[in-house]
């Protein structure tokens, strides 16, 4: 038979190993999340920079959340979201720029 102290030691070792493995999995998710946030921000900044060069800015107007509105060569109005994607707007979604 296994002695009581040996059994207690084995249980403690297995619990410690499980905690370490689950802790590393949680850290990996945190790194992935941070990398996604950085990637999204980089894409958004890059697209916005390119839009300022290629498309016109709709002066005096803003999107539904206060975003800068751009006009493309087909006269479509859009803004760039936090992931760097163009979101096309209906005329009813464009409003006058709010003064701060």
PDB file of N, CA and C in Angstrom:
ATOM      1  N   UNK A   1       0.814  -1.186   0.000  1.00  0.00           N
ATOM      2  CA  UNK A   1       0.000   0.000   0.000  1.00  0.00           C
ATOM      3  C   UNK A   1       0.866   1.262   0.000  1.00  0.00           C
ATOM      4  N   UNK A   2       0.295   2.288  -0.607  1.00  0.00           N
ATOM      5  CA  UNK A   2       0.977   3.576  -0.653  1.00  0.00           C
ATOM      6  C   UNK A   2       0.727   4.289   0.668  1.00  0.00           C
ATOM      7  N   UNK A   3       1.774   4.852   1.195  1.00  0.00           N
ATOM      8  CA  UNK A   3       1.603   5.540   2.473  1.00  0.00           C
ATOM      9  C   UNK A   3       0.832   6.838   2.297  1.00  0.00           C
ATOM     10  N   UNK A   4       0.280   7.288   3.369  1.00  0.00           N
ATOM     11  CA  UNK A   4      -0.556   8.493   3.357  1.00  0.00           C
ATOM     12  C   UNK A   4       0.245   9.716   2.920  1.00  0.00           C
ATOM     13  N   UNK A   5       1.457   9.902   3.352  1.00  0.00           N
ATOM     14  CA  UNK A   5       2.263  11.070   2.970  1.00  0.00           C
ATOM     15  C   UNK A   5       2.648  11.011   1.496  1.00  0.00           C
ATOM     16  N   UNK A   6       2.909   9.813   0.982  1.00  0.00           N
ATOM     17  CA  UNK A   6       3.232   9.684  -0.433  1.00  0.00           C
ATOM     18  C   UNK A   6       2.019  10.030  -1.289  1.00  0.00           C
ATOM     19  N   UNK A   7       0.848   9.573  -0.881  1.00  0.00           N
ATOM     20  CA  UNK A   7      -0.392   9.888  -1.605  1.00  0.00           C
ATOM     21  C   UNK A   7      -0.665  11.389  -1.569  1.00  0.00           C
ATOM     22  N   UNK A   8      -0.490  12.006  -0.437  1.00  0.00           N
ATOM     23  CA  UNK A   8      -0.686  13.451  -0.315  1.00  0.00           C
ATOM     24  C   UNK A   8       0.299  14.202  -1.202  1.00  0.00           C
ATOM     25  N   UNK A   9       1.527  13.742  -1.251  1.00  0.00           N
ATOM     26  CA  UNK A   9       2.547  14.369  -2.098  1.00  0.00           C
ATOM     27  C   UNK A   9       2.201  14.247  -3.574  1.00  0.00           C
ATOM     28  N   UNK A  10       1.716  13.073  -3.997  1.00  0.00           N
ATOM     29  CA  UNK A  10       1.325  12.884  -5.392  1.00  0.00           C
ATOM     30  C   UNK A  10       0.146  13.777  -5.775  1.00  0.00           C
ATOM     31  N   UNK A  11      -0.812  13.902  -4.897  1.00  0.00           N
ATOM     32  CA  UNK A  11      -1.966  14.779  -5.166  1.00  0.00           C
ATOM     33  C   UNK A  11      -1.499  16.225  -5.288  1.00  0.00           C
ATOM     34  N   UNK A  12      -0.599  16.647  -4.403  1.00  0.00           N
ATOM     35  CA  UNK A  12      -0.094  18.025  -4.440  1.00  0.00           C
ATOM     36  C   UNK A  12       0.671  18.287  -5.735  1.00  0.00           C
ATOM     37  N   UNK A  13       1.494  17.330  -6.159  1.00  0.00           N
ATOM     38  CA  UNK A  13       2.258  17.488  -7.387  1.00  0.00           C
ATOM     39  C   UNK A  13       1.331  17.564  -8.594  1.00  0.00           C
ATOM     40  N   UNK A  14       0.325  16.709  -8.651  1.00  0.00           N
ATOM     41  CA  UNK A  14      -0.601  16.721  -9.792  1.00  0.00           C
ATOM     42  C   UNK A  14      -1.412  18.010  -9.833  1.00  0.00           C
ATOM     43  N   UNK A  15      -1.820  18.518  -8.679  1.00  0.00           N
ATOM     44  CA  UNK A  15      -2.561  19.783  -8.650  1.00  0.00           C
ATOM     45  C   UNK A  15      -1.672  20.941  -9.101  1.00  0.00           C
ATOM     46  N   UNK A  16      -0.424  20.945  -8.686  1.00  0.00           N
ATOM     47  CA  UNK A  16       0.505  21.993  -9.087  1.00  0.00           C
ATOM     48  C   UNK A  16       0.742  21.959 -10.593  1.00  0.00           C
ATOM     49  N   UNK A  17       0.926  20.755 -11.133  1.00  0.00           N
ATOM     50  CA  UNK A  17       1.147  20.621 -12.574  1.00  0.00           C
ATOM     51  C   UNK A  17      -0.071  21.111 -13.359  1.00  0.00           C
ATOM     52  N   UNK A  18      -1.275  20.778 -12.890  1.00  0.00           N
ATOM     53  CA  UNK A  18      -2.493  21.225 -13.562  1.00  0.00           C
ATOM     54  C   UNK A  18      -2.609  22.749 -13.513  1.00  0.00           C
ATOM     55  N   UNK A  19      -2.294  23.329 -12.374  1.00  0.00           N
ATOM     56  CA  UNK A  19      -2.376  24.789 -12.237  1.00  0.00           C
ATOM     57  C   UNK A  19      -1.389  25.478 -13.175  1.00  0.00           C
ATOM     58  N   UNK A  20      -0.195  24.945 -13.293  1.00  0.00           N
ATOM     59  CA  UNK A  20       0.811  25.536 -14.174  1.00  0.00           C
ATOM     60  C   UNK A  20       0.360  25.458 -15.630  1.00  0.00           C
ATOM     61  N   UNK A  21      -0.173  24.309 -16.040  1.00  0.00           N
ATOM     62  CA  UNK A  21      -0.627  24.155 -17.421  1.00  0.00           C
ATOM     63  C   UNK A  21      -1.786  25.085 -17.749  1.00  0.00           C
ATOM     64  N   UNK A  22      -2.771  25.182 -16.852  1.00  0.00           N
ATOM     65  CA  UNK A  22      -3.905  26.065 -17.102  1.00  0.00           C
ATOM     66  C   UNK A  22      -3.473  27.530 -17.073  1.00  0.00           C
ATOM     67  N   UNK A  23      -2.519  27.862 -16.231  1.00  0.00           N
ATOM     68  CA  UNK A  23      -2.020  29.236 -16.161  1.00  0.00           C
ATOM     69  C   UNK A  23      -1.323  29.656 -17.442  1.00  0.00           C
ATOM     70  N   UNK A  24      -0.557  28.754 -18.038  1.00  0.00           N
ATOM     71  CA  UNK A  24       0.129  29.073 -19.287  1.00  0.00           C
ATOM     72  C   UNK A  24      -0.853  29.236 -20.428  1.00  0.00           C
ATOM     73  N   UNK A  25      -1.920  28.450 -20.439  1.00  0.00           N
ATOM     74  CA  UNK A  25      -2.939  28.590 -21.481  1.00  0.00           C
ATOM     75  C   UNK A  25      -3.615  29.954 -21.372  1.00  0.00           C
ATOM     76  N   UNK A  26      -3.870  30.415 -20.166  1.00  0.00           N
ATOM     77  CA  UNK A  26      -4.476  31.728 -19.962  1.00  0.00           C
ATOM     78  C   UNK A  26      -3.554  32.850 -20.404  1.00  0.00           C
ATOM     79  N   UNK A  27      -2.258  32.698 -20.151  1.00  0.00           N
ATOM     80  CA  UNK A  27      -1.298  33.709 -20.590  1.00  0.00           C
ATOM     81  C   UNK A  27      -1.227  33.769 -22.106  1.00  0.00           C
ATOM     82  N   UNK A  28      -1.289  32.622 -22.752  1.00  0.00           N
ATOM     83  CA  UNK A  28      -1.231  32.597 -24.213  1.00  0.00           C
ATOM     84  C   UNK A  28      -2.429  33.322 -24.810  1.00  0.00           C
ATOM     85  N   UNK A  29      -3.592  33.183 -24.194  1.00  0.00           N
ATOM     86  CA  UNK A  29      -4.775  33.890 -24.689  1.00  0.00           C
ATOM     87  C   UNK A  29      -4.599  35.388 -24.523  1.00  0.00           C
ATOM     88  N   UNK A  30      -3.978  35.817 -23.439  1.00  0.00           N
ATOM     89  CA  UNK A  30      -3.733  37.238 -23.225  1.00  0.00           C
ATOM     90  C   UNK A  30      -2.800  37.813 -24.267  1.00  0.00           C
ATOM     91  N   UNK A  31      -1.785  37.059 -24.653  1.00  0.00           N
ATOM     92  CA  UNK A  31      -0.844  37.498 -25.675  1.00  0.00           C
ATOM     93  C   UNK A  31      -1.558  37.599 -27.020  1.00  0.00           C
ATOM     94  N   UNK A  32      -2.387  36.601 -27.357  1.00  0.00           N
ATOM     95  CA  UNK A  32      -3.139  36.630 -28.611  1.00  0.00           C
ATOM     96  C   UNK A  32      -4.055  37.843 -28.658  1.00  0.00           C
ATOM     97  N   UNK A  33      -4.727  38.119 -27.549  1.00  0.00           N
ATOM     98  CA  UNK A  33      -5.650  39.249 -27.478  1.00  0.00           C
ATOM     99  C   UNK A  33      -4.911  40.568 -27.686  1.00  0.00           C
ATOM    100  N   UNK A  34      -3.776  40.713 -27.045  1.00  0.00           N
ATOM    101  CA  UNK A  34      -2.981  41.935 -27.188  1.00  0.00           C
ATOM    102  C   UNK A  34      -2.475  42.083 -28.617  1.00  0.00           C
ATOM    103  N   UNK A  35      -2.030  40.984 -29.216  1.00  0.00           N
ATOM    104  CA  UNK A  35      -1.537  41.038 -30.593  1.00  0.00           C
ATOM    105  C   UNK A  35      -2.657  41.429 -31.552  1.00  0.00           C
ATOM    106  N   UNK A  36      -3.859  40.930 -31.318  1.00  0.00           N
ATOM    107  CA  UNK A  36      -5.001  41.299 -32.171  1.00  0.00           C
ATOM    108  C   UNK A  36      -5.301  42.780 -32.055  1.00  0.00           C
ATOM    109  N   UNK A  37      -5.287  43.304 -30.825  1.00  0.00           N
ATOM    110  CA  UNK A  37      -5.568  44.721 -30.618  1.00  0.00           C
ATOM    111  C   UNK A  37      -4.531  45.592 -31.332  1.00  0.00           C
ATOM    112  N   UNK A  38      -3.268  45.195 -31.234  1.00  0.00           N
ATOM    113  CA  UNK A  38      -2.205  45.958 -31.889  1.00  0.00           C
ATOM    114  C   UNK A  38      -2.352  45.878 -33.404  1.00  0.00           C
ATOM    115  N   UNK A  39      -2.665  44.683 -33.909  1.00  0.00           N
ATOM    116  CA  UNK A  39      -2.861  44.506 -35.347  1.00  0.00           C
ATOM    117  C   UNK A  39      -4.026  45.314 -35.874  1.00  0.00           C
ATOM    118  N   UNK A  40      -5.144  45.325 -35.130  1.00  0.00           N
ATOM    119  CA  UNK A  40      -6.312  46.103 -35.547  1.00  0.00           C
ATOM    120  C   UNK A  40      -5.997  47.589 -35.566  1.00  0.00           C
ATOM    121  N   UNK A  41      -5.305  48.068 -34.553  1.00  0.00           N
ATOM    122  CA  UNK A  41      -4.962  49.488 -34.485  1.00  0.00           C
ATOM    123  C   UNK A  41      -4.029  49.865 -35.636  1.00  0.00           C
ATOM    124  N   UNK A  42      -3.055  49.006 -35.926  1.00  0.00           N
ATOM    125  CA  UNK A  42      -2.130  49.266 -37.028  1.00  0.00           C
ATOM    126  C   UNK A  42      -2.875  49.326 -38.358  1.00  0.00           C
ATOM    127  N   UNK A  43      -3.790  48.379 -38.572  1.00  0.00           N
ATOM    128  CA  UNK A  43      -4.569  48.361 -39.817  1.00  0.00           C
ATOM    129  C   UNK A  43      -5.427  49.608 -39.936  1.00  0.00           C
ATOM    130  N   UNK A  44      -6.056  50.003 -38.845  1.00  0.00           N
ATOM    131  CA  UNK A  44      -6.914  51.183 -38.857  1.00  0.00           C
ATOM    132  C   UNK A  44      -6.112  52.441 -39.201  1.00  0.00           C
ATOM    133  N   UNK A  45      -4.964  52.606 -38.574  1.00  0.00           N
ATOM    134  CA  UNK A  45      -4.130  53.787 -38.826  1.00  0.00           C
ATOM    135  C   UNK A  45      -3.633  53.786 -40.274  1.00  0.00           C
ATOM    136  N   UNK A  46      -3.242  52.613 -40.780  1.00  0.00           N
ATOM    137  CA  UNK A  46      -2.753  52.525 -42.153  1.00  0.00           C
ATOM    138  C   UNK A  46      -3.842  52.873 -43.160  1.00  0.00           C
ATOM    139  N   UNK A  47      -5.029  52.349 -42.967  1.00  0.00           N
ATOM    140  CA  UNK A  47      -6.139  52.619 -43.892  1.00  0.00           C
ATOM    141  C   UNK A  47      -6.522  54.093 -43.834  1.00  0.00           C
ATOM    142  N   UNK A  48      -6.588  54.652 -42.631  1.00  0.00           N
ATOM    143  CA  UNK A  48      -6.942  56.069 -42.501  1.00  0.00           C
ATOM    144  C   UNK A  48      -5.903  56.958 -43.182  1.00  0.00           C
ATOM    145  N   UNK A  49      -4.633  56.602 -43.058  1.00  0.00           N
ATOM    146  CA  UNK A  49      -3.573  57.369 -43.725  1.00  0.00           C
ATOM    147  C   UNK A  49      -3.702  57.301 -45.235  1.00  0.00           C
ATOM    148  N   UNK A  50      -3.994  56.116 -45.749  1.00  0.00           N
ATOM    149  CA  UNK A  50      -4.162  55.956 -47.192  1.00  0.00           C
ATOM    150  C   UNK A  50      -5.395  56.703 -47.688  1.00  0.00           C
ATOM    151  N   UNK A  51      -6.460  56.723 -46.903  1.00  0.00           N
ATOM    152  CA  UNK A  51      -7.697  57.400 -47.312  1.00  0.00           C
ATOM    153  C   UNK A  51      -7.504  58.909 -47.374  1.00  0.00           C
ATOM    154  N   UNK A  52      -6.683  59.441 -46.487  1.00  0.00           N
ATOM    155  CA  UNK A  52      -6.437  60.885 -46.522  1.00  0.00           C
ATOM    156  C   UNK A  52      -5.725  61.288 -47.809  1.00  0.00           C
ATOM    157  N   UNK A  53      -4.974  60.359 -48.392  1.00  0.00           N
ATOM    158  CA  UNK A  53      -4.262  60.644 -49.636  1.00  0.00           C
ATOM    159  C   UNK A  53      -5.157  60.414 -50.849  1.00  0.00           C
ATOM    160  N   UNK A  54      -5.868  59.282 -50.884  1.00  0.00           N
ATOM    161  CA  UNK A  54      -6.618  58.901 -52.081  1.00  0.00           C
ATOM    162  C   UNK A  54      -8.029  59.464 -52.139  1.00  0.00           C
ATOM    163  N   UNK A  55      -8.703  59.605 -51.003  1.00  0.00           N
ATOM    164  CA  UNK A  55     -10.093  60.055 -50.977  1.00  0.00           C
ATOM    165  C   UNK A  55     -10.215  61.401 -50.276  1.00  0.00           C
ATOM    166  N   UNK A  56     -11.344  62.054 -50.499  1.00  0.00           N
ATOM    167  CA  UNK A  56     -11.595  63.354 -49.890  1.00  0.00           C
ATOM    168  C   UNK A  56     -12.218  63.174 -48.510  1.00  0.00           C
ATOM    169  N   UNK A  57     -11.913  64.106 -47.624  1.00  0.00           N
ATOM    170  CA  UNK A  57     -12.561  64.141 -46.316  1.00  0.00           C
ATOM    171  C   UNK A  57     -13.809  64.995 -46.436  1.00  0.00           C
ATOM    172  N   UNK A  58     -14.917  64.510 -45.878  1.00  0.00           N
ATOM    173  CA  UNK A  58     -16.187  65.229 -45.937  1.00  0.00           C
ATOM    174  C   UNK A  58     -16.155  66.296 -44.843  1.00  0.00           C
ATOM    175  N   UNK A  59     -15.843  67.531 -45.251  1.00  0.00           N
ATOM    176  CA  UNK A  59     -15.675  68.635 -44.305  1.00  0.00           C
ATOM    177  C   UNK A  59     -16.984  68.977 -43.604  1.00  0.00           C
ATOM    178  N   UNK A  60     -16.907  69.181 -42.292  1.00  0.00           N
ATOM    179  CA  UNK A  60     -18.061  69.603 -41.516  1.00  0.00           C
ATOM    180  C   UNK A  60     -19.053  68.497 -41.213  1.00  0.00           C
ATOM    181  N   UNK A  61     -18.737  67.263 -41.575  1.00  0.00           N
ATOM    182  CA  UNK A  61     -19.640  66.136 -41.335  1.00  0.00           C
ATOM    183  C   UNK A  61     -18.907  65.055 -40.557  1.00  0.00           C
ATOM    184  N   UNK A  62     -19.683  64.194 -39.871  1.00  0.00           N
ATOM    185  CA  UNK A  62     -19.113  63.073 -39.134  1.00  0.00           C
ATOM    186  C   UNK A  62     -20.056  61.885 -39.172  1.00  0.00           C
ATOM    187  N   UNK A  63     -19.515  60.720 -38.850  1.00  0.00           N
ATOM    188  CA  UNK A  63     -20.309  59.495 -38.828  1.00  0.00           C
ATOM    189  C   UNK A  63     -21.161  59.409 -37.571  1.00  0.00           C
ATOM    190  N   UNK A  64     -21.902  58.308 -37.415  1.00  0.00           N
ATOM    191  CA  UNK A  64     -22.810  58.169 -36.280  1.00  0.00           C
ATOM    192  C   UNK A  64     -22.107  58.172 -34.922  1.00  0.00           C
ATOM    193  N   UNK A  65     -20.842  57.785 -34.877  1.00  0.00           N
ATOM    194  CA  UNK A  65     -20.102  57.783 -33.617  1.00  0.00           C
ATOM    195  C   UNK A  65     -19.049  58.867 -33.543  1.00  0.00           C
ATOM    196  N   UNK A  66     -19.147  59.883 -34.400  1.00  0.00           N
ATOM    197  CA  UNK A  66     -18.177  60.969 -34.411  1.00  0.00           C
ATOM    198  C   UNK A  66     -16.958  60.684 -35.275  1.00  0.00           C
ATOM    199  N   UNK A  67     -17.024  59.656 -36.129  1.00  0.00           N
ATOM    200  CA  UNK A  67     -15.898  59.285 -36.982  1.00  0.00           C
ATOM    201  C   UNK A  67     -15.744  60.269 -38.142  1.00  0.00           C
ATOM    202  N   UNK A  68     -14.515  60.345 -38.660  1.00  0.00           N
ATOM    203  CA  UNK A  68     -14.242  61.135 -39.854  1.00  0.00           C
ATOM    204  C   UNK A  68     -14.884  60.436 -41.048  1.00  0.00           C
ATOM    205  N   UNK A  69     -15.583  61.193 -41.879  1.00  0.00           N
ATOM    206  CA  UNK A  69     -16.247  60.622 -43.056  1.00  0.00           C
ATOM    207  C   UNK A  69     -15.420  60.953 -44.291  1.00  0.00           C
ATOM    208  N   UNK A  70     -15.209  59.942 -45.141  1.00  0.00           N
ATOM    209  CA  UNK A  70     -14.461  60.090 -46.384  1.00  0.00           C
ATOM    210  C   UNK A  70     -15.401  59.892 -47.565  1.00  0.00           C
ATOM    211  N   UNK A  71     -15.020  60.455 -48.721  1.00  0.00           N
ATOM    212  CA  UNK A  71     -15.789  60.292 -49.960  1.00  0.00           C
ATOM    213  C   UNK A  71     -14.863  59.643 -50.978  1.00  0.00           C
ATOM    214  N   UNK A  72     -15.280  58.484 -51.532  1.00  0.00           N
ATOM    215  CA  UNK A  72     -14.447  57.804 -52.519  1.00  0.00           C
ATOM    216  C   UNK A  72     -14.718  58.340 -53.925  1.00  0.00           C
ATOM    217  N   UNK A  73     -14.031  57.791 -54.928  1.00  0.00           N
ATOM    218  CA  UNK A  73     -14.154  58.297 -56.303  1.00  0.00           C
ATOM    219  C   UNK A  73     -15.526  58.045 -56.897  1.00  0.00           C
ATOM    220  N   UNK A  74     -16.319  57.161 -56.316  1.00  0.00           N
ATOM    221  CA  UNK A  74     -17.691  56.906 -56.776  1.00  0.00           C
ATOM    222  C   UNK A  74     -18.719  57.718 -55.990  1.00  0.00           C
ATOM    223  N   UNK A  75     -18.231  58.671 -55.188  1.00  0.00           N
ATOM    224  CA  UNK A  75     -19.067  59.559 -54.385  1.00  0.00           C
ATOM    225  C   UNK A  75     -19.813  58.812 -53.274  1.00  0.00           C
ATOM    226  N   UNK A  76     -19.244  57.689 -52.815  1.00  0.00           N
ATOM    227  CA  UNK A  76     -19.823  56.969 -51.681  1.00  0.00           C
ATOM    228  C   UNK A  76     -19.167  57.475 -50.406  1.00  0.00           C
ATOM    229  N   UNK A  77     -19.964  57.647 -49.358  1.00  0.00           N
ATOM    230  CA  UNK A  77     -19.457  58.138 -48.088  1.00  0.00           C
ATOM    231  C   UNK A  77     -19.227  56.954 -47.150  1.00  0.00           C
ATOM    232  N   UNK A  78     -18.113  57.006 -46.391  1.00  0.00           N
ATOM    233  CA  UNK A  78     -17.783  55.917 -45.475  1.00  0.00           C
ATOM    234  C   UNK A  78     -16.874  56.431 -44.371  1.00  0.00           C
ATOM    235  N   UNK A  79     -16.728  55.610 -43.326  1.00  0.00           N
ATOM    236  CA  UNK A  79     -15.716  55.853 -42.306  1.00  0.00           C
ATOM    237  C   UNK A  79     -14.938  54.554 -42.110  1.00  0.00           C
ATOM    238  N   UNK A  80     -13.803  54.635 -41.422  1.00  0.00           N
ATOM    239  CA  UNK A  80     -12.957  53.473 -41.177  1.00  0.00           C
ATOM    240  C   UNK A  80     -13.146  53.070 -39.718  1.00  0.00           C
ATOM    241  N   UNK A  81     -13.529  51.785 -39.484  1.00  0.00           N
ATOM    242  CA  UNK A  81     -13.764  51.329 -38.112  1.00  0.00           C
ATOM    243  C   UNK A  81     -12.451  50.982 -37.407  1.00  0.00           C
ATOM    244  N   UNK A  82     -12.550  50.518 -36.157  1.00  0.00           N
ATOM    245  CA  UNK A  82     -11.363  50.249 -35.346  1.00  0.00           C
ATOM    246  C   UNK A  82     -10.548  49.065 -35.858  1.00  0.00           C
ATOM    247  N   UNK A  83     -11.107  48.269 -36.760  1.00  0.00           N
ATOM    248  CA  UNK A  83     -10.369  47.147 -37.340  1.00  0.00           C
ATOM    249  C   UNK A  83      -9.791  47.483 -38.707  1.00  0.00           C
ATOM    250  N   UNK A  84      -9.978  48.707 -39.172  1.00  0.00           N
ATOM    251  CA  UNK A  84      -9.421  49.129 -40.446  1.00  0.00           C
ATOM    252  C   UNK A  84     -10.312  48.846 -41.642  1.00  0.00           C
ATOM    253  N   UNK A  85     -11.585  48.540 -41.400  1.00  0.00           N
ATOM    254  CA  UNK A  85     -12.513  48.248 -42.501  1.00  0.00           C
ATOM    255  C   UNK A  85     -13.363  49.467 -42.824  1.00  0.00           C
ATOM    256  N   UNK A  86     -13.671  49.618 -44.114  1.00  0.00           N
ATOM    257  CA  UNK A  86     -14.545  50.708 -44.538  1.00  0.00           C
ATOM    258  C   UNK A  86     -15.991  50.350 -44.209  1.00  0.00           C
ATOM    259  N   UNK A  87     -16.705  51.306 -43.612  1.00  0.00           N
ATOM    260  CA  UNK A  87     -18.123  51.126 -43.318  1.00  0.00           C
ATOM    261  C   UNK A  87     -18.864  52.204 -44.099  1.00  0.00           C
ATOM    262  N   UNK A  88     -19.600  51.790 -45.132  1.00  0.00           N
ATOM    263  CA  UNK A  88     -20.319  52.742 -45.969  1.00  0.00           C
ATOM    264  C   UNK A  88     -21.565  53.236 -45.255  1.00  0.00           C
ATOM    265  N   UNK A  89     -21.862  54.526 -45.455  1.00  0.00           N
ATOM    266  CA  UNK A  89     -22.939  55.189 -44.727  1.00  0.00           C
ATOM    267  C   UNK A  89     -24.104  55.547 -45.637  1.00  0.00           C
ATOM    268  N   UNK A  90     -25.294  55.491 -45.059  1.00  0.00           N
ATOM    269  CA  UNK A  90     -26.488  56.005 -45.718  1.00  0.00           C
ATOM    270  C   UNK A  90     -26.515  57.514 -45.464  1.00  0.00           C
ATOM    271  N   UNK A  91     -27.180  58.278 -46.313  1.00  0.00           N
ATOM    272  CA  UNK A  91     -27.249  59.730 -46.067  1.00  0.00           C
ATOM    273  C   UNK A  91     -27.831  60.082 -44.697  1.00  0.00           C
ATOM    274  N   UNK A  92     -28.739  59.256 -44.187  1.00  0.00           N
ATOM    275  CA  UNK A  92     -29.348  59.537 -42.891  1.00  0.00           C
ATOM    276  C   UNK A  92     -28.380  59.311 -41.725  1.00  0.00           C
ATOM    277  N   UNK A  93     -27.272  58.604 -41.954  1.00  0.00           N
ATOM    278  CA  UNK A  93     -26.302  58.335 -40.887  1.00  0.00           C
ATOM    279  C   UNK A  93     -25.231  59.415 -40.769  1.00  0.00           C
ATOM    280  N   UNK A  94     -25.174  60.311 -41.735  1.00  0.00           N
ATOM    281  CA  UNK A  94     -24.181  61.384 -41.729  1.00  0.00           C
ATOM    282  C   UNK A  94     -24.807  62.603 -41.061  1.00  0.00           C
ATOM    283  N   UNK A  95     -24.060  63.194 -40.137  1.00  0.00           N
ATOM    284  CA  UNK A  95     -24.576  64.365 -39.425  1.00  0.00           C
ATOM    285  C   UNK A  95     -23.542  65.482 -39.419  1.00  0.00           C
ATOM    286  N   UNK A  96     -24.006  66.681 -39.064  1.00  0.00           N
ATOM    287  CA  UNK A  96     -23.094  67.810 -38.946  1.00  0.00           C
ATOM    288  C   UNK A  96     -22.132  67.565 -37.801  1.00  0.00           C
ATOM    289  N   UNK A  97     -20.904  68.032 -37.968  1.00  0.00           N
ATOM    290  CA  UNK A  97     -19.888  67.835 -36.942  1.00  0.00           C
ATOM    291  C   UNK A  97     -20.268  68.595 -35.669  1.00  0.00           C
ATOM    292  N   UNK A  98     -20.158  67.925 -34.537  1.00  0.00           N
ATOM    293  CA  UNK A  98     -20.478  68.518 -33.238  1.00  0.00           C
ATOM    294  C   UNK A  98     -19.293  69.369 -32.757  1.00  0.00           C
ATOM    295  N   UNK A  99     -19.571  70.539 -32.275  1.00  0.00           N
ATOM    296  CA  UNK A  99     -18.526  71.407 -31.715  1.00  0.00           C
ATOM    297  C   UNK A  99     -18.273  70.977 -30.276  1.00  0.00           C
ATOM    298  N   UNK A 100     -17.006  70.852 -29.904  1.00  0.00           N
ATOM    299  CA  UNK A 100     -16.671  70.435 -28.524  1.00  0.00           C
ATOM    300  C   UNK A 100     -16.646  71.583 -27.593  1.00  0.00           C
TER     301      UNK A 100
END
